Amino acid sequence: MSGHNALNVVDLTPGTRLRTNEGAVVELVENPRDGVWLICKTLENAADPDSVSEVEQPVFAQDIVGLAEE
């Protein structure tokens, strides 16, 4: 991400809801603070409803487009 809307993923805390470039909403479970990966679970995904799960998965930081509205 670049520009004035850039989100500093290193500072994100667990429980933060984020939107991915695919339109999914994920919840941050763990932040290794490496600026590359976030450990999340998928809460919503209209394009792929089967991906919604309590299973924690790594999400590439570049795939995060911003905070999800509650």
PDB file of N, CA and C in Angstrom:
ATOM      1  N   MET A   1       0.837  -1.168   0.000  1.00  0.00           N
ATOM      2  CA  MET A   1       0.000   0.000   0.000  1.00  0.00           C
ATOM      3  C   MET A   1       0.883   1.233   0.000  1.00  0.00           C
ATOM      4  N   SER A   2       0.379   2.282  -0.559  1.00  0.00           N
ATOM      5  CA  SER A   2       1.150   3.505  -0.574  1.00  0.00           C
ATOM      6  C   SER A   2       0.203   4.685  -0.529  1.00  0.00           C
ATOM      7  N   GLY A   3       0.784   5.866  -0.387  1.00  0.00           N
ATOM      8  CA  GLY A   3      -0.035   7.065  -0.369  1.00  0.00           C
ATOM      9  C   GLY A   3      -0.486   7.434   1.027  1.00  0.00           C
ATOM     10  N   HIS A   4      -1.376   8.418   1.104  1.00  0.00           N
ATOM     11  CA  HIS A   4      -1.796   8.948   2.393  1.00  0.00           C
ATOM     12  C   HIS A   4      -2.703   8.007   3.169  1.00  0.00           C
ATOM     13  N   ASN A   5      -3.250   6.985   2.532  1.00  0.00           N
ATOM     14  CA  ASN A   5      -4.127   6.040   3.212  1.00  0.00           C
ATOM     15  C   ASN A   5      -3.386   4.822   3.733  1.00  0.00           C
ATOM     16  N   ALA A   6      -2.065   4.847   3.679  1.00  0.00           N
ATOM     17  CA  ALA A   6      -1.279   3.695   4.101  1.00  0.00           C
ATOM     18  C   ALA A   6      -1.559   3.368   5.568  1.00  0.00           C
ATOM     19  N   LEU A   7      -1.662   2.092   5.851  1.00  0.00           N
ATOM     20  CA  LEU A   7      -1.941   1.593   7.189  1.00  0.00           C
ATOM     21  C   LEU A   7      -0.661   0.967   7.721  1.00  0.00           C
ATOM     22  N   ASN A   8      -0.222   1.374   8.888  1.00  0.00           N
ATOM     23  CA  ASN A   8       0.982   0.806   9.484  1.00  0.00           C
ATOM     24  C   ASN A   8       0.605  -0.500  10.175  1.00  0.00           C
ATOM     25  N   VAL A   9       0.805  -1.619   9.498  1.00  0.00           N
ATOM     26  CA  VAL A   9       0.395  -2.920  10.023  1.00  0.00           C
ATOM     27  C   VAL A   9       1.207  -3.339  11.234  1.00  0.00           C
ATOM     28  N   VAL A  10       2.393  -2.798  11.408  1.00  0.00           N
ATOM     29  CA  VAL A  10       3.238  -3.159  12.558  1.00  0.00           C
ATOM     30  C   VAL A  10       2.563  -2.750  13.861  1.00  0.00           C
ATOM     31  N   ASP A  11       1.786  -1.667  13.845  1.00  0.00           N
ATOM     32  CA  ASP A  11       1.154  -1.155  15.061  1.00  0.00           C
ATOM     33  C   ASP A  11      -0.221  -1.741  15.354  1.00  0.00           C
ATOM     34  N   LEU A  12      -0.743  -2.570  14.477  1.00  0.00           N
ATOM     35  CA  LEU A  12      -2.082  -3.128  14.687  1.00  0.00           C
ATOM     36  C   LEU A  12      -2.099  -4.093  15.868  1.00  0.00           C
ATOM     37  N   THR A  13      -3.188  -4.074  16.617  1.00  0.00           N
ATOM     38  CA  THR A  13      -3.312  -4.937  17.783  1.00  0.00           C
ATOM     39  C   THR A  13      -4.369  -6.023  17.542  1.00  0.00           C
ATOM     40  N   PRO A  14      -4.234  -7.163  18.241  1.00  0.00           N
ATOM     41  CA  PRO A  14      -5.221  -8.230  18.099  1.00  0.00           C
ATOM     42  C   PRO A  14      -6.634  -7.717  18.352  1.00  0.00           C
ATOM     43  N   GLY A  15      -7.567  -8.239  17.571  1.00  0.00           N
ATOM     44  CA  GLY A  15      -8.964  -7.830  17.655  1.00  0.00           C
ATOM     45  C   GLY A  15      -9.348  -6.815  16.590  1.00  0.00           C
ATOM     46  N   THR A  16      -8.347  -6.214  15.940  1.00  0.00           N
ATOM     47  CA  THR A  16      -8.615  -5.238  14.880  1.00  0.00           C
ATOM     48  C   THR A  16      -9.233  -5.943  13.680  1.00  0.00           C
ATOM     49  N   ARG A  17     -10.300  -5.365  13.150  1.00  0.00           N
ATOM     50  CA  ARG A  17     -10.951  -5.908  11.953  1.00  0.00           C
ATOM     51  C   ARG A  17     -10.404  -5.181  10.740  1.00  0.00           C
ATOM     52  N   LEU A  18     -10.015  -5.950   9.734  1.00  0.00           N
ATOM     53  CA  LEU A  18      -9.370  -5.413   8.541  1.00  0.00           C
ATOM     54  C   LEU A  18     -10.082  -5.875   7.286  1.00  0.00           C
ATOM     55  N   ARG A  19      -9.953  -5.103   6.216  1.00  0.00           N
ATOM     56  CA  ARG A  19     -10.517  -5.476   4.919  1.00  0.00           C
ATOM     57  C   ARG A  19      -9.357  -5.823   3.990  1.00  0.00           C
ATOM     58  N   THR A  20      -9.530  -6.926   3.247  1.00  0.00           N
ATOM     59  CA  THR A  20      -8.505  -7.353   2.296  1.00  0.00           C
ATOM     60  C   THR A  20      -8.819  -6.827   0.905  1.00  0.00           C
ATOM     61  N   ASN A  21      -7.847  -6.936   0.010  1.00  0.00           N
ATOM     62  CA  ASN A  21      -8.053  -6.484  -1.365  1.00  0.00           C
ATOM     63  C   ASN A  21      -9.088  -7.333  -2.094  1.00  0.00           C
ATOM     64  N   GLU A  22      -9.444  -8.488  -1.565  1.00  0.00           N
ATOM     65  CA  GLU A  22     -10.486  -9.333  -2.158  1.00  0.00           C
ATOM     66  C   GLU A  22     -11.869  -9.022  -1.585  1.00  0.00           C
ATOM     67  N   GLY A  23     -11.935  -8.090  -0.633  1.00  0.00           N
ATOM     68  CA  GLY A  23     -13.211  -7.711  -0.037  1.00  0.00           C
ATOM     69  C   GLY A  23     -13.575  -8.471   1.217  1.00  0.00           C
ATOM     70  N   ALA A  24     -12.716  -9.366   1.662  1.00  0.00           N
ATOM     71  CA  ALA A  24     -12.990 -10.123   2.882  1.00  0.00           C
ATOM     72  C   ALA A  24     -12.735  -9.253   4.103  1.00  0.00           C
ATOM     73  N   VAL A  25     -13.420  -9.577   5.196  1.00  0.00           N
ATOM     74  CA  VAL A  25     -13.159  -8.947   6.486  1.00  0.00           C
ATOM     75  C   VAL A  25     -12.500 -10.002   7.355  1.00  0.00           C
ATOM     76  N   VAL A  26     -11.326  -9.649   7.888  1.00  0.00           N
ATOM     77  CA  VAL A  26     -10.587 -10.563   8.755  1.00  0.00           C
ATOM     78  C   VAL A  26     -10.360  -9.904  10.098  1.00  0.00           C
ATOM     79  N   GLU A  27     -10.186 -10.715  11.116  1.00  0.00           N
ATOM     80  CA  GLU A  27      -9.857 -10.215  12.447  1.00  0.00           C
ATOM     81  C   GLU A  27      -8.431 -10.599  12.776  1.00  0.00           C
ATOM     82  N   LEU A  28      -7.653  -9.633  13.193  1.00  0.00           N
ATOM     83  CA  LEU A  28      -6.269  -9.878  13.565  1.00  0.00           C
ATOM     84  C   LEU A  28      -6.225 -10.669  14.869  1.00  0.00           C
ATOM     85  N   VAL A  29      -5.543 -11.811  14.837  1.00  0.00           N
ATOM     86  CA  VAL A  29      -5.398 -12.659  16.011  1.00  0.00           C
ATOM     87  C   VAL A  29      -4.011 -12.455  16.630  1.00  0.00           C
ATOM     88  N   GLU A  30      -3.006 -12.386  15.780  1.00  0.00           N
ATOM     89  CA  GLU A  30      -1.634 -12.215  16.252  1.00  0.00           C
ATOM     90  C   GLU A  30      -0.866 -11.369  15.240  1.00  0.00           C
ATOM     91  N   ASN A  31      -0.034 -10.486  15.764  1.00  0.00           N
ATOM     92  CA  ASN A  31       0.782  -9.639  14.903  1.00  0.00           C
ATOM     93  C   ASN A  31       2.245  -9.878  15.236  1.00  0.00           C
ATOM     94  N   PRO A  32       2.976 -10.585  14.361  1.00  0.00           N
ATOM     95  CA  PRO A  32       4.394 -10.821  14.625  1.00  0.00           C
ATOM     96  C   PRO A  32       5.239  -9.547  14.493  1.00  0.00           C
ATOM     97  N   ARG A  33       4.615  -8.452  14.058  1.00  0.00           N
ATOM     98  CA  ARG A  33       5.247  -7.131  13.932  1.00  0.00           C
ATOM     99  C   ARG A  33       6.475  -7.148  13.018  1.00  0.00           C
ATOM    100  N   ASP A  34       6.386  -7.978  11.975  1.00  0.00           N
ATOM    101  CA  ASP A  34       7.465  -8.005  10.992  1.00  0.00           C
ATOM    102  C   ASP A  34       7.130  -7.173   9.756  1.00  0.00           C
ATOM    103  N   GLY A  35       5.894  -6.641   9.709  1.00  0.00           N
ATOM    104  CA  GLY A  35       5.483  -5.813   8.586  1.00  0.00           C
ATOM    105  C   GLY A  35       5.163  -6.598   7.335  1.00  0.00           C
ATOM    106  N   VAL A  36       5.202  -7.924   7.423  1.00  0.00           N
ATOM    107  CA  VAL A  36       4.971  -8.767   6.252  1.00  0.00           C
ATOM    108  C   VAL A  36       3.735  -9.640   6.432  1.00  0.00           C
ATOM    109  N   TRP A  37       3.584 -10.268   7.592  1.00  0.00           N
ATOM    110  CA  TRP A  37       2.490 -11.207   7.836  1.00  0.00           C
ATOM    111  C   TRP A  37       1.648 -10.777   9.016  1.00  0.00           C
ATOM    112  N   LEU A  38       0.360 -11.105   8.934  1.00  0.00           N
ATOM    113  CA  LEU A  38      -0.573 -10.950  10.040  1.00  0.00           C
ATOM    114  C   LEU A  38      -1.305 -12.279  10.187  1.00  0.00           C
ATOM    115  N   ILE A  39      -1.503 -12.729  11.397  1.00  0.00           N
ATOM    116  CA  ILE A  39      -2.248 -13.964  11.631  1.00  0.00           C
ATOM    117  C   ILE A  39      -3.699 -13.563  11.908  1.00  0.00           C
ATOM    118  N   CYS A  40      -4.598 -14.035  11.046  1.00  0.00           N
ATOM    119  CA  CYS A  40      -5.993 -13.590  11.095  1.00  0.00           C
ATOM    120  C   CYS A  40      -6.953 -14.764  10.951  1.00  0.00           C
ATOM    121  N   LYS A  41      -8.211 -14.493  11.292  1.00  0.00           N
ATOM    122  CA  LYS A  41      -9.296 -15.418  10.955  1.00  0.00           C
ATOM    123  C   LYS A  41     -10.288 -14.642  10.109  1.00  0.00           C
ATOM    124  N   THR A  42     -10.900 -15.318   9.160  1.00  0.00           N
ATOM    125  CA  THR A  42     -11.820 -14.670   8.226  1.00  0.00           C
ATOM    126  C   THR A  42     -13.216 -14.613   8.835  1.00  0.00           C
ATOM    127  N   LEU A  43     -13.769 -13.397   8.903  1.00  0.00           N
ATOM    128  CA  LEU A  43     -15.111 -13.188   9.458  1.00  0.00           C
ATOM    129  C   LEU A  43     -16.181 -13.110   8.384  1.00  0.00           C
ATOM    130  N   GLU A  44     -15.850 -12.484   7.247  1.00  0.00           N
ATOM    131  CA  GLU A  44     -16.802 -12.300   6.143  1.00  0.00           C
ATOM    132  C   GLU A  44     -16.045 -12.396   4.828  1.00  0.00           C
ATOM    133  N   ASN A  45     -16.691 -13.025   3.845  1.00  0.00           N
ATOM    134  CA  ASN A  45     -16.117 -13.041   2.505  1.00  0.00           C
ATOM    135  C   ASN A  45     -17.219 -13.414   1.521  1.00  0.00           C
ATOM    136  N   ALA A  46     -17.854 -12.398   0.943  1.00  0.00           N
ATOM    137  CA  ALA A  46     -18.962 -12.623   0.013  1.00  0.00           C
ATOM    138  C   ALA A  46     -18.504 -13.385  -1.231  1.00  0.00           C
ATOM    139  N   ALA A  47     -17.258 -13.170  -1.654  1.00  0.00           N
ATOM    140  CA  ALA A  47     -16.751 -13.837  -2.852  1.00  0.00           C
ATOM    141  C   ALA A  47     -16.436 -15.311  -2.602  1.00  0.00           C
ATOM    142  N   ASP A  48     -16.160 -15.670  -1.351  1.00  0.00           N
ATOM    143  CA  ASP A  48     -15.806 -17.047  -1.014  1.00  0.00           C
ATOM    144  C   ASP A  48     -16.313 -17.378   0.391  1.00  0.00           C
ATOM    145  N   PRO A  49     -17.635 -17.583   0.541  1.00  0.00           N
ATOM    146  CA  PRO A  49     -18.218 -17.833   1.859  1.00  0.00           C
ATOM    147  C   PRO A  49     -17.600 -19.026   2.590  1.00  0.00           C
ATOM    148  N   ASP A  50     -17.075 -19.991   1.857  1.00  0.00           N
ATOM    149  CA  ASP A  50     -16.469 -21.160   2.496  1.00  0.00           C
ATOM    150  C   ASP A  50     -15.168 -20.822   3.217  1.00  0.00           C
ATOM    151  N   SER A  51     -14.600 -19.643   2.956  1.00  0.00           N
ATOM    152  CA  SER A  51     -13.351 -19.264   3.615  1.00  0.00           C
ATOM    153  C   SER A  51     -13.574 -18.709   5.023  1.00  0.00           C
ATOM    154  N   VAL A  52     -14.825 -18.411   5.378  1.00  0.00           N
ATOM    155  CA  VAL A  52     -15.127 -17.907   6.714  1.00  0.00           C
ATOM    156  C   VAL A  52     -14.882 -19.031   7.708  1.00  0.00           C
ATOM    157  N   SER A  53     -14.014 -18.737   8.693  1.00  0.00           N
ATOM    158  CA  SER A  53     -13.600 -19.798   9.601  1.00  0.00           C
ATOM    159  C   SER A  53     -12.933 -19.221  10.836  1.00  0.00           C
ATOM    160  N   GLU A  54     -12.947 -19.991  11.909  1.00  0.00           N
ATOM    161  CA  GLU A  54     -12.216 -19.643  13.129  1.00  0.00           C
ATOM    162  C   GLU A  54     -10.756 -20.068  13.029  1.00  0.00           C
ATOM    163  N   VAL A  55     -10.406 -20.734  11.946  1.00  0.00           N
ATOM    164  CA  VAL A  55      -9.031 -21.185  11.749  1.00  0.00           C
ATOM    165  C   VAL A  55      -8.138 -19.974  11.469  1.00  0.00           C
ATOM    166  N   GLU A  56      -7.051 -19.882  12.208  1.00  0.00           N
ATOM    167  CA  GLU A  56      -6.109 -18.778  12.026  1.00  0.00           C
ATOM    168  C   GLU A  56      -5.231 -19.056  10.811  1.00  0.00           C
ATOM    169  N   GLN A  57      -5.045 -18.011   9.994  1.00  0.00           N
ATOM    170  CA  GLN A  57      -4.253 -18.147   8.776  1.00  0.00           C
ATOM    171  C   GLN A  57      -3.365 -16.926   8.603  1.00  0.00           C
ATOM    172  N   PRO A  58      -2.190 -17.106   8.013  1.00  0.00           N
ATOM    173  CA  PRO A  58      -1.355 -15.937   7.723  1.00  0.00           C
ATOM    174  C   PRO A  58      -1.958 -15.142   6.563  1.00  0.00           C
ATOM    175  N   VAL A  59      -1.931 -13.837   6.692  1.00  0.00           N
ATOM    176  CA  VAL A  59      -2.392 -12.936   5.642  1.00  0.00           C
ATOM    177  C   VAL A  59      -1.228 -12.009   5.313  1.00  0.00           C
ATOM    178  N   PHE A  60      -0.914 -11.895   4.047  1.00  0.00           N
ATOM    179  CA  PHE A  60       0.168 -11.044   3.593  1.00  0.00           C
ATOM    180  C   PHE A  60      -0.238  -9.584   3.825  1.00  0.00           C
ATOM    181  N   ALA A  61       0.602  -8.812   4.461  1.00  0.00           N
ATOM    182  CA  ALA A  61       0.268  -7.423   4.804  1.00  0.00           C
ATOM    183  C   ALA A  61      -0.126  -6.602   3.587  1.00  0.00           C
ATOM    184  N   GLN A  62       0.463  -6.875   2.432  1.00  0.00           N
ATOM    185  CA  GLN A  62       0.120  -6.125   1.219  1.00  0.00           C
ATOM    186  C   GLN A  62      -1.310  -6.377   0.758  1.00  0.00           C
ATOM    187  N   ASP A  63      -1.933  -7.458   1.249  1.00  0.00           N
ATOM    188  CA  ASP A  63      -3.317  -7.753   0.879  1.00  0.00           C
ATOM    189  C   ASP A  63      -4.326  -6.994   1.727  1.00  0.00           C
ATOM    190  N   ILE A  64      -3.867  -6.263   2.739  1.00  0.00           N
ATOM    191  CA  ILE A  64      -4.746  -5.463   3.586  1.00  0.00           C
ATOM    192  C   ILE A  64      -4.896  -4.078   2.967  1.00  0.00           C
ATOM    193  N   VAL A  65      -6.159  -3.672   2.768  1.00  0.00           N
ATOM    194  CA  VAL A  65      -6.408  -2.359   2.156  1.00  0.00           C
ATOM    195  C   VAL A  65      -6.863  -1.321   3.181  1.00  0.00           C
ATOM    196  N   GLY A  66      -7.231  -1.758   4.378  1.00  0.00           N
ATOM    197  CA  GLY A  66      -7.625  -0.795   5.386  1.00  0.00           C
ATOM    198  C   GLY A  66      -8.391  -1.447   6.517  1.00  0.00           C
ATOM    199  N   LEU A  67      -8.866  -0.606   7.414  1.00  0.00           N
ATOM    200  CA  LEU A  67      -9.675  -1.070   8.536  1.00  0.00           C
ATOM    201  C   LEU A  67     -11.084  -1.378   8.038  1.00  0.00           C
ATOM    202  N   ALA A  68     -11.702  -2.388   8.604  1.00  0.00           N
ATOM    203  CA  ALA A  68     -13.089  -2.727   8.266  1.00  0.00           C
ATOM    204  C   ALA A  68     -14.002  -1.958   9.191  1.00  0.00           C
ATOM    205  N   GLU A  69     -15.091  -1.479   8.654  1.00  0.00           N
ATOM    206  CA  GLU A  69     -16.074  -0.785   9.487  1.00  0.00           C
ATOM    207  C   GLU A  69     -16.838  -1.802  10.292  1.00  0.00           C
ATOM    208  N   GLU A  70     -17.119  -1.452  11.516  1.00  0.00           N
ATOM    209  CA  GLU A  70     -17.840  -2.366  12.423  1.00  0.00           C
ATOM    210  C   GLU A  70     -19.312  -2.389  12.074  1.00  0.00           C
TER     211      GLU A  70
END
